[in-house]
N, C-alpha and C. Protein backbone atom coordinates (compact mmCIF):
# COMPACT_ATOMS: atom_id res chain seq x y z
N MET A 1 93.63 112.42 90.68
CA MET A 1 93.89 112.82 92.04
C MET A 1 95.40 112.90 92.23
N LEU A 2 95.81 113.83 93.06
CA LEU A 2 97.23 114.08 93.30
C LEU A 2 97.63 113.43 94.62
N LEU A 3 98.52 112.45 94.56
CA LEU A 3 99.01 111.79 95.77
C LEU A 3 100.05 112.69 96.43
N VAL A 4 99.85 113.03 97.71
CA VAL A 4 100.77 113.93 98.40
C VAL A 4 101.41 113.31 99.64
N GLU A 5 100.83 112.22 100.17
CA GLU A 5 101.36 111.66 101.41
C GLU A 5 100.99 110.19 101.51
N THR A 6 101.89 109.40 102.06
CA THR A 6 101.60 108.01 102.38
C THR A 6 102.24 107.65 103.70
N GLU A 7 101.48 107.00 104.55
CA GLU A 7 101.97 106.54 105.86
C GLU A 7 102.62 107.66 106.67
N GLY A 8 102.09 108.88 106.58
CA GLY A 8 102.61 109.99 107.36
C GLY A 8 103.82 110.68 106.78
N SER A 9 104.24 110.31 105.58
CA SER A 9 105.41 110.93 104.94
C SER A 9 105.01 111.51 103.60
N TYR A 10 105.54 112.70 103.30
CA TYR A 10 105.25 113.33 102.01
C TYR A 10 105.84 112.51 100.87
N THR A 11 105.15 112.51 99.74
CA THR A 11 105.64 111.81 98.55
C THR A 11 105.96 112.83 97.47
N LEU A 12 106.74 112.39 96.47
CA LEU A 12 106.86 113.19 95.26
C LEU A 12 105.47 113.20 94.65
N GLN A 13 104.97 114.36 94.34
CA GLN A 13 103.57 114.48 93.93
C GLN A 13 103.38 113.95 92.51
N GLU A 14 102.48 112.97 92.40
CA GLU A 14 102.15 112.34 91.12
C GLU A 14 100.63 112.26 91.01
N TYR A 15 100.13 112.35 89.78
CA TYR A 15 98.70 112.21 89.53
C TYR A 15 98.37 110.75 89.23
N TYR A 16 97.26 110.27 89.79
CA TYR A 16 96.78 108.91 89.55
C TYR A 16 95.29 108.96 89.23
N ALA A 17 94.87 108.17 88.24
CA ALA A 17 93.44 108.04 87.94
C ALA A 17 92.81 107.02 88.88
N THR A 18 93.59 106.01 89.29
CA THR A 18 93.15 105.02 90.27
C THR A 18 94.28 104.83 91.27
N LEU A 19 93.95 104.38 92.46
CA LEU A 19 94.98 104.19 93.49
C LEU A 19 94.66 102.92 94.27
N ASP A 20 95.58 101.96 94.25
CA ASP A 20 95.42 100.74 95.04
C ASP A 20 95.77 101.05 96.48
N ILE A 21 94.85 100.78 97.39
CA ILE A 21 95.10 100.96 98.82
C ILE A 21 94.85 99.60 99.46
N HIS A 22 95.89 99.00 99.99
CA HIS A 22 95.78 97.66 100.56
C HIS A 22 95.58 97.75 102.07
N VAL A 23 95.27 96.64 102.69
CA VAL A 23 94.96 96.57 104.12
C VAL A 23 96.07 97.23 104.92
N GLY A 24 95.70 98.16 105.80
CA GLY A 24 96.66 98.81 106.69
C GLY A 24 97.37 100.00 106.08
N GLN A 25 97.13 100.34 104.83
CA GLN A 25 97.80 101.47 104.20
C GLN A 25 96.95 102.73 104.33
N SER A 26 97.63 103.88 104.31
CA SER A 26 96.92 105.15 104.31
C SER A 26 97.59 106.10 103.33
N TYR A 27 96.77 106.86 102.62
CA TYR A 27 97.24 107.83 101.64
C TYR A 27 96.47 109.13 101.83
N SER A 28 97.08 110.24 101.44
CA SER A 28 96.39 111.52 101.36
C SER A 28 96.46 111.97 99.92
N VAL A 29 95.30 112.32 99.36
CA VAL A 29 95.23 112.78 97.97
C VAL A 29 94.47 114.09 97.92
N LEU A 30 94.76 114.87 96.88
CA LEU A 30 94.02 116.09 96.60
C LEU A 30 93.24 115.87 95.32
N VAL A 31 91.95 116.19 95.36
CA VAL A 31 91.11 116.09 94.17
C VAL A 31 90.75 117.50 93.76
N THR A 32 91.08 117.88 92.54
CA THR A 32 90.80 119.22 92.04
C THR A 32 89.43 119.24 91.38
N ALA A 33 88.56 120.10 91.88
CA ALA A 33 87.20 120.21 91.34
C ALA A 33 87.22 121.26 90.23
N ASP A 34 87.68 120.85 89.04
CA ASP A 34 87.83 121.80 87.93
C ASP A 34 87.06 121.38 86.68
N GLN A 35 86.06 120.52 86.85
CA GLN A 35 85.26 120.07 85.71
C GLN A 35 83.99 120.90 85.62
N SER A 36 83.27 120.76 84.52
CA SER A 36 81.99 121.46 84.39
C SER A 36 81.02 120.86 85.41
N PRO A 37 80.06 121.67 85.91
CA PRO A 37 79.14 121.19 86.94
C PRO A 37 78.40 119.93 86.51
N ALA A 38 78.53 118.89 87.31
CA ALA A 38 77.89 117.60 87.04
C ALA A 38 78.05 116.72 88.27
N SER A 39 77.66 115.47 88.13
CA SER A 39 77.86 114.47 89.18
C SER A 39 78.87 113.45 88.68
N PHE A 40 79.78 113.04 89.56
CA PHE A 40 80.85 112.12 89.17
C PHE A 40 80.88 110.93 90.12
N TYR A 41 81.17 109.76 89.57
CA TYR A 41 81.32 108.55 90.38
C TYR A 41 82.61 108.60 91.19
N ILE A 42 82.54 108.07 92.39
CA ILE A 42 83.72 107.69 93.17
C ILE A 42 83.52 106.21 93.45
N VAL A 43 84.43 105.38 92.98
CA VAL A 43 84.24 103.93 93.08
C VAL A 43 85.38 103.33 93.89
N ALA A 44 85.03 102.49 94.85
CA ALA A 44 86.01 101.71 95.61
C ALA A 44 85.67 100.25 95.37
N SER A 45 86.66 99.47 94.97
CA SER A 45 86.39 98.05 94.72
C SER A 45 87.55 97.22 95.22
N SER A 46 87.24 95.99 95.57
CA SER A 46 88.27 95.08 96.06
C SER A 46 89.14 94.62 94.90
N ARG A 47 90.36 94.24 95.23
CA ARG A 47 91.28 93.70 94.23
C ARG A 47 91.71 92.32 94.71
N PHE A 48 91.97 91.44 93.78
CA PHE A 48 92.50 90.11 94.06
C PHE A 48 91.56 89.28 94.91
N THR A 49 90.25 89.49 94.77
CA THR A 49 89.25 88.69 95.47
C THR A 49 88.22 88.19 94.47
N ASN A 50 87.56 87.12 94.82
CA ASN A 50 86.48 86.61 94.01
C ASN A 50 85.33 86.28 94.94
N PRO A 51 84.20 86.95 94.89
CA PRO A 51 83.83 87.97 93.91
C PRO A 51 84.42 89.33 94.25
N VAL A 52 84.42 90.23 93.27
CA VAL A 52 84.86 91.61 93.48
C VAL A 52 83.73 92.37 94.16
N THR A 53 84.04 93.07 95.25
CA THR A 53 83.06 93.87 95.98
C THR A 53 83.26 95.33 95.60
N THR A 54 82.16 96.03 95.32
CA THR A 54 82.25 97.41 94.85
C THR A 54 81.38 98.31 95.70
N GLY A 55 81.91 99.49 96.07
CA GLY A 55 81.16 100.53 96.75
C GLY A 55 81.14 101.77 95.86
N ILE A 56 80.02 102.46 95.82
CA ILE A 56 79.86 103.60 94.92
C ILE A 56 79.43 104.83 95.71
N ALA A 57 80.01 105.97 95.37
CA ALA A 57 79.58 107.26 95.92
C ALA A 57 79.56 108.26 94.77
N PHE A 58 78.97 109.42 95.02
CA PHE A 58 78.92 110.45 93.99
C PHE A 58 79.52 111.73 94.53
N LEU A 59 80.27 112.40 93.69
CA LEU A 59 80.77 113.74 93.95
C LEU A 59 79.93 114.66 93.08
N GLN A 60 79.15 115.54 93.72
CA GLN A 60 78.26 116.39 92.95
C GLN A 60 78.56 117.85 93.26
N TYR A 61 78.78 118.63 92.22
CA TYR A 61 78.98 120.06 92.38
C TYR A 61 77.67 120.68 92.87
N THR A 62 77.76 121.69 93.72
CA THR A 62 76.54 122.31 94.25
C THR A 62 75.72 122.99 93.16
N ASN A 63 76.35 123.45 92.10
CA ASN A 63 75.61 124.12 91.02
C ASN A 63 75.29 123.17 89.87
N SER A 64 75.38 121.86 90.12
CA SER A 64 75.06 120.88 89.08
C SER A 64 73.55 120.86 88.84
N VAL A 65 73.15 120.78 87.58
CA VAL A 65 71.73 120.73 87.25
C VAL A 65 71.25 119.29 87.09
N THR A 66 72.17 118.33 87.09
CA THR A 66 71.79 116.93 86.96
C THR A 66 71.97 116.23 88.30
N ALA A 67 71.01 115.41 88.65
CA ALA A 67 71.10 114.64 89.89
C ALA A 67 71.96 113.41 89.65
N PRO A 68 72.60 112.89 90.70
CA PRO A 68 73.37 111.66 90.52
C PRO A 68 72.48 110.54 90.01
N SER A 69 72.99 109.75 89.10
CA SER A 69 72.22 108.66 88.52
C SER A 69 72.89 107.34 88.86
N ARG A 70 72.10 106.39 89.32
CA ARG A 70 72.63 105.06 89.63
C ARG A 70 72.57 104.14 88.42
N SER A 71 72.10 104.66 87.31
CA SER A 71 72.04 103.83 86.11
C SER A 71 73.26 104.10 85.25
N GLY A 72 73.51 103.21 84.33
CA GLY A 72 74.65 103.36 83.44
C GLY A 72 75.86 102.62 83.97
N PRO A 73 76.84 102.43 83.12
CA PRO A 73 78.02 101.65 83.51
C PRO A 73 78.94 102.45 84.44
N LEU A 74 79.63 101.72 85.30
CA LEU A 74 80.65 102.34 86.15
C LEU A 74 81.87 102.65 85.30
N PRO A 75 82.66 103.63 85.70
CA PRO A 75 83.89 103.90 84.94
C PRO A 75 84.82 102.69 84.99
N ASP A 76 85.55 102.49 83.90
CA ASP A 76 86.49 101.38 83.86
C ASP A 76 87.66 101.64 84.80
N GLY A 77 88.05 100.61 85.51
CA GLY A 77 89.23 100.66 86.35
C GLY A 77 90.20 99.60 85.88
N PRO A 78 91.28 99.42 86.60
CA PRO A 78 92.22 98.36 86.21
C PRO A 78 91.58 96.99 86.43
N ASP A 79 92.08 96.00 85.72
CA ASP A 79 91.62 94.62 85.90
C ASP A 79 91.82 94.24 87.37
N PRO A 80 90.78 93.76 88.06
CA PRO A 80 90.92 93.46 89.49
C PRO A 80 91.92 92.35 89.81
N MET A 81 92.37 91.61 88.81
CA MET A 81 93.36 90.55 89.06
C MET A 81 94.72 90.88 88.46
N ASP A 82 94.95 92.12 88.07
CA ASP A 82 96.21 92.52 87.42
C ASP A 82 97.26 92.87 88.48
N TYR A 83 98.04 91.87 88.87
CA TYR A 83 99.06 92.07 89.89
C TYR A 83 100.14 93.04 89.42
N ASN A 84 100.50 92.99 88.14
CA ASN A 84 101.55 93.88 87.63
C ASN A 84 101.15 95.34 87.74
N TYR A 85 99.89 95.67 87.47
CA TYR A 85 99.42 97.05 87.60
C TYR A 85 99.62 97.53 89.04
N SER A 86 99.20 96.71 89.99
CA SER A 86 99.31 97.08 91.40
C SER A 86 100.77 97.21 91.82
N LEU A 87 101.60 96.27 91.40
CA LEU A 87 103.02 96.30 91.76
C LEU A 87 103.73 97.50 91.15
N ASN A 88 103.46 97.78 89.87
CA ASN A 88 104.10 98.93 89.22
C ASN A 88 103.65 100.25 89.84
N GLN A 89 102.38 100.33 90.24
CA GLN A 89 101.92 101.54 90.89
C GLN A 89 102.64 101.73 92.22
N ALA A 90 102.77 100.67 93.00
CA ALA A 90 103.47 100.76 94.29
C ALA A 90 104.93 101.19 94.08
N LYS A 91 105.57 100.69 93.04
CA LYS A 91 106.96 101.07 92.75
C LYS A 91 107.08 102.53 92.32
N SER A 92 106.00 103.11 91.80
CA SER A 92 106.06 104.49 91.31
C SER A 92 105.97 105.53 92.43
N ILE A 93 105.58 105.11 93.63
CA ILE A 93 105.41 106.05 94.74
C ILE A 93 106.76 106.24 95.44
N ARG A 94 107.20 107.49 95.52
CA ARG A 94 108.51 107.81 96.10
C ARG A 94 108.36 108.86 97.19
N TRP A 95 109.16 108.71 98.26
CA TRP A 95 109.18 109.73 99.31
C TRP A 95 109.76 111.03 98.77
N ASN A 96 109.25 112.14 99.28
CA ASN A 96 109.83 113.44 99.00
C ASN A 96 110.81 113.73 100.14
N LEU A 97 112.08 113.48 99.91
CA LEU A 97 113.08 113.61 100.97
C LEU A 97 113.45 115.05 101.26
N THR A 98 112.96 116.00 100.45
CA THR A 98 113.26 117.41 100.72
C THR A 98 112.17 118.06 101.56
N ALA A 99 111.04 117.38 101.76
CA ALA A 99 109.96 117.93 102.58
C ALA A 99 110.27 117.66 104.05
N GLY A 100 109.67 118.44 104.93
CA GLY A 100 110.00 118.37 106.35
C GLY A 100 109.17 117.40 107.16
N ALA A 101 108.56 116.39 106.55
CA ALA A 101 107.72 115.46 107.31
C ALA A 101 108.58 114.42 108.02
N ALA A 102 108.01 113.85 109.07
CA ALA A 102 108.69 112.76 109.76
C ALA A 102 108.74 111.55 108.85
N ARG A 103 109.82 110.80 108.92
CA ARG A 103 109.95 109.58 108.12
C ARG A 103 110.40 108.45 109.03
N PRO A 104 109.99 107.23 108.73
CA PRO A 104 110.47 106.10 109.52
C PRO A 104 111.98 105.95 109.40
N ASN A 105 112.60 105.39 110.43
CA ASN A 105 114.04 105.15 110.37
C ASN A 105 114.33 104.11 109.31
N PRO A 106 115.35 104.32 108.48
CA PRO A 106 115.70 103.31 107.50
C PRO A 106 116.23 102.05 108.18
N GLN A 107 116.07 100.92 107.52
CA GLN A 107 116.59 99.67 108.07
C GLN A 107 118.09 99.79 108.30
N GLY A 108 118.56 99.25 109.41
CA GLY A 108 119.98 99.25 109.69
C GLY A 108 120.49 100.51 110.35
N SER A 109 119.59 101.43 110.75
CA SER A 109 120.06 102.66 111.37
C SER A 109 120.49 102.44 112.81
N PHE A 110 120.07 101.33 113.42
CA PHE A 110 120.49 101.01 114.78
C PHE A 110 121.75 100.15 114.70
N HIS A 111 122.68 100.35 115.58
CA HIS A 111 123.96 99.63 115.54
C HIS A 111 123.83 98.29 116.26
N TYR A 112 123.32 97.28 115.54
CA TYR A 112 123.07 95.97 116.14
C TYR A 112 124.35 95.30 116.60
N GLY A 113 125.47 95.58 115.99
CA GLY A 113 126.73 94.96 116.38
C GLY A 113 127.20 95.35 117.76
N LYS A 114 126.65 96.40 118.33
CA LYS A 114 127.06 96.87 119.66
C LYS A 114 126.19 96.31 120.78
N ILE A 115 125.23 95.44 120.44
CA ILE A 115 124.34 94.86 121.45
C ILE A 115 124.98 93.59 121.99
N ASN A 116 125.07 93.47 123.32
CA ASN A 116 125.58 92.25 123.93
C ASN A 116 124.49 91.18 123.89
N VAL A 117 124.81 90.03 123.29
CA VAL A 117 123.85 88.93 123.21
C VAL A 117 123.88 88.19 124.53
N SER A 118 122.75 88.16 125.24
CA SER A 118 122.69 87.50 126.53
C SER A 118 121.91 86.20 126.47
N ARG A 119 121.11 86.01 125.41
CA ARG A 119 120.31 84.80 125.31
C ARG A 119 119.94 84.59 123.85
N THR A 120 119.90 83.34 123.41
CA THR A 120 119.49 83.00 122.06
C THR A 120 118.27 82.11 122.14
N ILE A 121 117.23 82.45 121.39
CA ILE A 121 116.00 81.66 121.37
C ILE A 121 115.81 81.16 119.94
N GLN A 122 115.60 79.86 119.80
CA GLN A 122 115.32 79.29 118.49
C GLN A 122 113.82 79.09 118.35
N LEU A 123 113.28 79.50 117.22
CA LEU A 123 111.86 79.32 116.94
C LEU A 123 111.72 78.31 115.81
N GLN A 124 110.78 77.37 115.99
CA GLN A 124 110.53 76.36 114.97
C GLN A 124 109.03 76.28 114.75
N SER A 125 108.63 76.41 113.49
CA SER A 125 107.20 76.30 113.19
C SER A 125 106.89 74.86 112.80
N THR A 126 105.68 74.42 113.17
CA THR A 126 105.21 73.09 112.82
C THR A 126 103.77 73.20 112.33
N ALA A 127 103.33 72.18 111.59
CA ALA A 127 101.96 72.15 111.08
C ALA A 127 101.40 70.74 111.24
N PRO A 128 101.18 70.30 112.49
CA PRO A 128 100.69 68.94 112.71
C PRO A 128 99.19 68.80 112.40
N MET A 129 98.77 67.56 112.15
CA MET A 129 97.35 67.24 112.01
C MET A 129 96.85 66.84 113.40
N ILE A 130 95.85 67.55 113.92
CA ILE A 130 95.29 67.26 115.23
C ILE A 130 93.79 67.09 115.06
N GLY A 131 93.28 65.92 115.42
CA GLY A 131 91.85 65.65 115.29
C GLY A 131 91.38 65.76 113.85
N GLY A 132 92.23 65.40 112.88
CA GLY A 132 91.85 65.46 111.48
C GLY A 132 91.92 66.84 110.86
N LYS A 133 92.39 67.84 111.62
CA LYS A 133 92.51 69.20 111.10
C LYS A 133 93.95 69.66 111.23
N GLN A 134 94.42 70.39 110.22
CA GLN A 134 95.78 70.90 110.28
C GLN A 134 95.83 72.12 111.19
N ARG A 135 96.78 72.10 112.10
CA ARG A 135 96.99 73.21 113.03
C ARG A 135 98.40 73.75 112.83
N PHE A 136 98.64 74.97 113.25
CA PHE A 136 99.95 75.59 113.10
C PHE A 136 100.45 76.01 114.47
N ALA A 137 101.76 75.85 114.70
CA ALA A 137 102.31 76.15 116.01
C ALA A 137 103.73 76.67 115.87
N VAL A 138 104.18 77.39 116.89
CA VAL A 138 105.58 77.80 117.01
C VAL A 138 106.09 77.17 118.29
N ASN A 139 107.17 76.40 118.18
CA ASN A 139 107.74 75.66 119.30
C ASN A 139 106.68 74.78 119.98
N ASN A 140 105.83 74.16 119.16
CA ASN A 140 104.78 73.24 119.61
C ASN A 140 103.75 73.88 120.54
N VAL A 141 103.60 75.18 120.47
CA VAL A 141 102.59 75.87 121.29
C VAL A 141 101.48 76.34 120.38
């Protein structure tokens, strides 16, 4: 699949056999239907959880003579506990800065030094034991 967009911004187009999508992320991919007529698995599975949860769908060409089969092994994916695979994949995704899509403002684009400080608030986190259970609070609230 060809990754073309992430979080509303175009990416440098790269092909991926698998794509880690974590909570709150969004991607746009193009899948080229250029194989011989058949049925193909589409597998979504959790990563970094025990047990691993798996969802299965089929992509079937309209002129396929074989029906989707629920028997047989699923295609191999990356090890569900391989943090390096996930991290390296995330590092490989780059914005396409020559495309005309909207992009988030880079950090530091606002001139914070020009803001008049009128009040300072200190935040302190605590983790007291209350009724035999650990609770978490900010400024004791």
